[in-house]
Protein backbone atom coordinates (compact mmCIF):
# COMPACT_ATOMS: atom_id res chain seq x y z
CA MET A 1 41.94 182.24 -22.47
CA GLY A 2 42.91 179.07 -23.42
CA LEU A 3 42.23 175.68 -21.41
CA PRO A 4 42.95 174.91 -18.14
CA ARG A 5 45.52 172.80 -17.67
CA PRO A 6 45.39 169.25 -16.20
CA PRO A 7 46.25 169.12 -12.78
CA GLU A 8 49.55 167.72 -11.88
CA ARG A 9 49.76 164.05 -10.63
CA PHE A 10 51.35 164.57 -7.06
CA GLU A 11 53.30 161.38 -5.53
CA ARG A 12 53.62 161.30 -1.93
CA VAL A 13 56.64 159.06 -0.62
CA TYR A 14 56.12 156.64 2.30
CA SER A 15 58.33 156.69 4.76
CA ALA A 16 58.36 154.66 8.30
CA PRO A 17 57.39 155.67 11.92
CA GLU A 18 59.94 157.46 13.45
CA PRO A 19 61.42 155.02 16.41
CA PRO A 20 61.23 156.46 19.55
CA SER A 21 64.07 158.80 20.66
CA ARG A 22 66.89 157.22 22.78
CA GLY A 23 66.14 159.25 25.76
CA ARG A 24 62.80 158.39 25.96
CA ARG A 25 64.58 154.36 26.44
CA PRO A 26 65.94 154.74 29.79
CA ARG A 27 63.00 156.73 31.45
CA VAL A 28 60.96 153.58 31.18
CA LEU A 29 63.37 150.74 31.92
CA ALA A 30 64.30 153.25 35.01
CA ALA A 31 60.38 153.24 36.09
CA VAL A 32 59.74 149.02 35.72
CA VAL A 33 62.73 148.39 37.32
CA ALA A 34 62.04 150.40 40.23
CA LEU A 35 58.56 149.50 40.78
CA ALA A 36 59.91 145.32 41.03
CA ALA A 37 62.60 146.74 43.84
CA PHE A 38 59.94 148.05 45.47
CA ALA A 39 57.50 145.12 45.27
CA LEU A 40 60.33 142.45 46.73
CA ALA A 41 61.07 145.04 49.45
CA ALA A 42 57.51 145.21 50.47
CA ALA A 43 56.98 141.54 50.73
CA ALA A 44 59.97 141.06 52.49
CA VAL A 45 58.77 143.04 54.90
CA PHE A 46 55.92 140.92 55.49
CA VAL A 47 57.36 137.93 55.97
CA LEU A 48 59.86 139.29 58.72
CA VAL A 49 57.93 141.93 60.75
CA PRO A 50 56.02 139.68 63.24
CA GLY A 51 52.48 140.02 63.27
CA ASP A 52 49.83 141.53 65.86
CA GLY A 53 53.11 143.54 67.63
CA GLU A 54 54.77 140.48 68.86
CA ASP A 55 58.31 139.72 69.67
CA ARG A 56 60.11 136.95 67.32
CA ARG A 57 61.95 135.08 70.04
CA PRO A 58 63.86 132.12 70.11
CA ALA A 59 61.85 128.59 70.76
CA ALA A 60 61.67 127.75 74.60
CA GLY A 61 64.49 125.12 74.97
CA ALA A 62 66.58 126.30 72.26
CA SER A 63 69.61 128.67 72.33
CA PRO A 64 70.46 130.67 69.74
CA SER A 65 72.74 129.11 68.21
CA GLY A 66 70.31 126.33 67.24
CA ARG A 67 71.44 123.76 69.80
CA ALA A 68 69.34 122.19 72.82
CA ALA A 69 69.66 125.00 76.05
CA ALA A 70 70.03 123.04 79.17
CA ASP A 71 69.20 123.57 82.82
CA PRO A 72 71.29 125.81 84.86
CA ASP A 73 72.27 122.00 87.29
CA GLY A 74 74.07 120.63 83.56
CA SER A 75 70.77 118.48 82.36
CA ALA A 76 69.28 119.19 79.60
CA ALA A 77 65.71 120.53 79.03
CA PRO A 78 62.47 118.87 78.26
CA GLY A 79 62.23 117.67 74.42
CA ALA A 80 65.74 118.35 74.03
CA SER A 81 68.15 116.24 71.89
CA THR A 82 70.56 113.97 73.66
CA PRO A 83 73.69 113.46 72.37
CA ALA A 84 74.29 109.72 71.43
CA PRO A 85 76.20 108.05 73.94
CA SER A 86 79.61 106.84 72.83
CA PRO A 87 80.10 103.30 73.32
CA SER A 88 81.23 102.25 76.22
CA ARG A 89 85.59 100.83 76.73
CA PRO A 90 86.31 98.10 78.65
CA SER A 91 88.14 99.24 81.73
CA ALA A 92 91.37 97.88 83.07
CA PRO A 93 91.26 95.78 86.39
CA ALA A 94 92.18 97.70 88.83
CA PRO A 95 95.55 98.05 90.37
CA PRO A 96 95.70 95.74 93.82
CA SER A 97 94.61 98.44 96.80
CA SER A 98 97.75 99.98 98.42
CA GLY A 99 95.45 101.10 101.72
CA GLY A 100 96.47 99.55 105.23
CA PRO A 101 99.41 98.37 106.44
CA GLN A 102 101.95 96.14 104.67
CA PRO A 103 102.99 93.09 105.07
CA ILE A 104 106.44 92.78 107.32
CA THR A 105 109.37 92.09 105.44
CA SER A 106 112.10 90.82 107.35
CA LEU A 107 112.93 90.00 111.71
CA PRO A 108 114.66 92.06 114.07
CA GLY A 109 117.54 90.44 115.99
CA PRO A 110 116.28 87.44 117.80
CA CYS A 111 117.33 88.80 120.93
CA ASP A 112 116.81 92.59 119.98
CA THR A 113 113.20 92.76 121.17
CA VAL A 114 113.22 92.57 124.27
CA PRO A 115 114.87 95.58 126.28
CA ARG A 116 117.78 95.06 128.76
CA ALA A 117 116.19 96.12 131.94
CA THR A 118 112.76 94.05 131.17
CA VAL A 119 115.24 90.93 130.87
CA GLU A 120 116.98 91.60 134.54
CA ARG A 121 113.48 92.06 135.89
CA LEU A 122 112.49 89.12 134.90
CA VAL A 123 115.68 86.17 134.48
CA PRO A 124 118.26 88.20 136.84
CA ASP A 125 121.71 87.66 135.76
CA ALA A 126 120.49 85.36 132.34
CA GLU A 127 122.27 83.20 130.22
CA ARG A 128 121.19 84.33 126.70
CA ARG A 129 121.15 81.58 123.31
CA GLN A 130 120.12 82.49 120.05
CA SER A 131 119.48 80.76 116.67
CA SER A 132 117.76 82.50 113.55
CA ASN A 133 117.11 81.93 110.19
CA SER A 134 115.22 84.85 107.42
CA THR A 135 112.32 83.52 108.83
CA LEU A 136 112.43 82.23 112.26
CA THR A 137 114.27 83.64 115.38
CA THR A 138 114.07 82.28 118.70
CA CYS A 139 115.97 83.83 121.89
CA THR A 140 116.14 82.28 125.21
CA TYR A 141 117.17 83.84 128.51
CA SER A 142 117.59 81.26 131.74
CA SER A 143 118.57 82.42 135.08
CA THR A 144 122.05 80.80 136.32
CA GLY A 145 120.79 81.47 140.21
CA ARG A 146 118.88 79.52 143.10
CA ASP A 147 115.36 80.58 141.70
CA PHE A 148 115.24 79.12 138.32
CA ARG A 149 112.97 81.58 135.84
CA TRP A 150 112.81 81.69 132.16
CA LEU A 151 111.71 83.76 129.03
CA ARG A 152 111.73 82.35 125.33
CA VAL A 153 110.85 84.68 122.78
CA GLU A 154 109.81 82.88 118.79
CA ALA A 155 108.62 84.75 116.35
CA ARG A 156 107.56 83.62 112.53
CA LEU A 157 107.80 85.57 109.66
CA TYR A 158 106.05 84.26 106.47
CA ALA A 159 107.43 86.80 104.15
CA PRO A 160 106.22 88.52 100.79
CA GLY A 161 108.78 86.36 98.67
CA ASP A 162 108.36 83.19 99.62
CA THR A 163 104.62 82.91 99.33
CA ALA A 164 101.50 84.96 97.80
CA THR A 165 99.33 85.00 100.44
CA PRO A 166 101.62 85.77 103.66
CA VAL A 167 99.12 87.07 106.09
CA GLU A 168 96.28 84.16 105.02
CA ASP A 169 99.42 81.73 105.67
CA ALA A 170 100.24 83.51 109.73
CA ARG A 171 96.31 83.35 109.96
CA ARG A 172 96.69 79.27 109.36
CA TYR A 173 99.66 78.89 111.53
CA PHE A 174 97.85 80.78 114.56
CA GLY A 175 95.53 78.73 114.13
CA ALA A 176 96.56 75.75 114.34
CA GLN A 177 98.78 76.72 118.19
CA TRP A 178 95.38 77.48 118.99
CA THR A 179 93.86 74.21 118.32
CA GLN A 180 97.12 72.61 119.66
CA ALA A 181 97.09 74.29 122.82
CA HIS A 182 93.77 72.57 123.34
CA GLU A 183 95.39 69.22 123.22
CA PRO A 184 98.34 69.19 125.57
CA THR A 185 100.45 66.07 126.80
CA LEU A 186 103.43 67.27 128.87
CA GLU A 187 101.39 70.41 130.58
CA ARG A 188 98.06 70.47 132.25
CA THR A 189 95.91 73.56 131.67
CA VAL A 190 94.98 76.04 133.84
CA THR A 191 93.64 78.65 131.31
CA LEU A 192 93.78 79.04 127.95
CA GLU A 193 91.38 82.49 126.95
CA ARG A 194 91.37 84.69 123.40
CA GLU A 195 92.99 88.18 124.55
CA ARG A 196 91.79 91.04 122.92
CA GLY A 197 93.59 94.29 121.91
CA LEU A 198 97.30 92.33 121.28
CA GLY A 199 97.93 92.26 117.73
CA ASP A 200 95.74 91.13 115.24
CA GLU A 201 94.83 88.16 117.62
CA ALA A 202 95.89 86.59 120.28
CA PHE A 203 95.69 84.11 123.27
CA ARG A 204 97.28 83.49 126.39
CA TRP A 205 97.79 80.27 128.21
CA PHE A 206 98.87 79.28 131.70
CA LYS A 207 99.82 75.25 132.17
CA ILE A 208 101.64 73.45 134.75
CA ASP A 209 104.26 71.10 133.87
CA LYS A 210 103.78 67.64 134.74
CA GLY A 211 106.69 65.80 136.43
CA GLN A 212 108.37 69.21 137.33
CA PRO A 213 107.94 72.05 139.65
CA THR A 214 107.66 74.54 137.26
CA VAL A 215 104.53 76.69 135.77
CA VAL A 216 104.24 78.37 132.39
CA GLY A 217 102.37 81.62 131.50
CA GLN A 218 102.69 82.03 127.28
CA VAL A 219 101.03 84.03 125.00
CA THR A 220 100.49 83.97 121.52
CA MET A 221 100.06 86.68 118.50
CA ARG A 222 99.60 87.25 115.50
CA ILE A 223 101.00 90.78 113.74
CA ARG A 224 100.08 90.83 109.75
CA ASN A 225 102.30 88.25 108.70
CA VAL A 226 104.51 87.12 111.95
CA VAL A 227 103.37 85.07 114.61
CA VAL A 228 105.43 85.78 117.98
CA THR A 229 104.93 82.74 121.29
CA VAL A 230 106.65 84.46 124.25
CA ALA A 231 106.10 82.12 127.35
CA TYR A 232 107.83 82.96 131.05
CA SER A 233 108.58 79.77 133.71
CA GLU A 234 109.25 80.20 137.06
CA GLN A 235 109.34 77.38 139.52
CA ALA A 236 106.35 76.92 142.09
CA ARG A 237 106.01 73.84 143.69
CA GLY A 238 102.88 72.54 144.71
CA ALA A 239 99.64 73.31 143.19
CA ASP A 240 98.60 75.94 145.51
CA ALA A 241 102.10 78.11 144.47
CA ALA A 242 101.31 76.66 141.26
CA ARG A 243 97.78 78.88 140.85
CA ALA A 244 99.18 81.67 142.75
CA ARG A 245 101.70 82.48 140.39
CA GLU A 246 99.06 82.63 137.36
CA ARG A 247 98.37 86.50 137.16
CA ALA A 248 102.38 87.28 137.23
CA CYS A 249 102.86 84.62 135.31
CA LEU A 250 100.48 86.14 132.90
CA ALA A 251 101.46 89.27 133.10
CA ASN A 252 104.79 89.09 132.88
CA ALA A 253 104.51 87.10 129.26
CA ASP A 254 101.53 89.96 128.34
CA ALA A 255 104.50 92.60 128.72
CA VAL A 256 107.39 91.06 126.62
CA ALA A 257 104.64 90.48 123.79
CA ARG A 258 103.87 94.07 124.14
CA GLU A 259 107.58 95.05 123.89
CA VAL A 260 108.82 93.17 120.45
CA ARG A 261 104.52 93.95 119.26
CA SER A 262 106.05 97.23 119.06
CA ARG A 263 109.68 96.01 117.54
CA LEU A 264 107.62 94.22 114.36
CA ARG A 265 106.95 97.43 111.88
């Protein structure tokens, strides 16, 4: 029996730990991502879902689009912001008003304003004289018979093309005629008074000629920018006869004035 053999030295080779297998990494990463997504979803639900079962509605006074709500009548709701007004621009001057009657621009023929029948009734077998220009016309009818009768129609125009204030100029002329009638020199006034309902303004005047056995009934009227004077005269011997003819003379002059007025348009 021989000597025992010494034990042999055993040397173990060191090897590093093996890395995890490739199939294990995706499973761990997927679990982490899923956990994070769940946490975010839970946070979103907590924020969006109203608490205590109440509905989240738009605040009063605001529309869903975020604009201030308006009342049904169009006025802004209390607390709603109102847009600032835009700066005002100076407005252009208003044009002259075209309402109301316009000024008369021309006169009819001097003897075209009184119908022939009226002339024959007041001044039978009359002799006619006339004169005219663009702003003044005169027509006179004188009887040729035994009884003297006389009718005169005068129209004065203040043309818009000649003055900037035709109506005002006619008004001033009418006022001057009214004043002059209060200071007669060749006549004796019996009646002088304003007359309503004839043109824009009018007055009538009954007078007796001094030194002549004649009486005159006269009507002066203004129609916008035209002043018309109608005078009717006839014989009347004596003061009593003259006064007796007052009503008839004024009625004749008034009737002619109304016929002239109808021709001025």
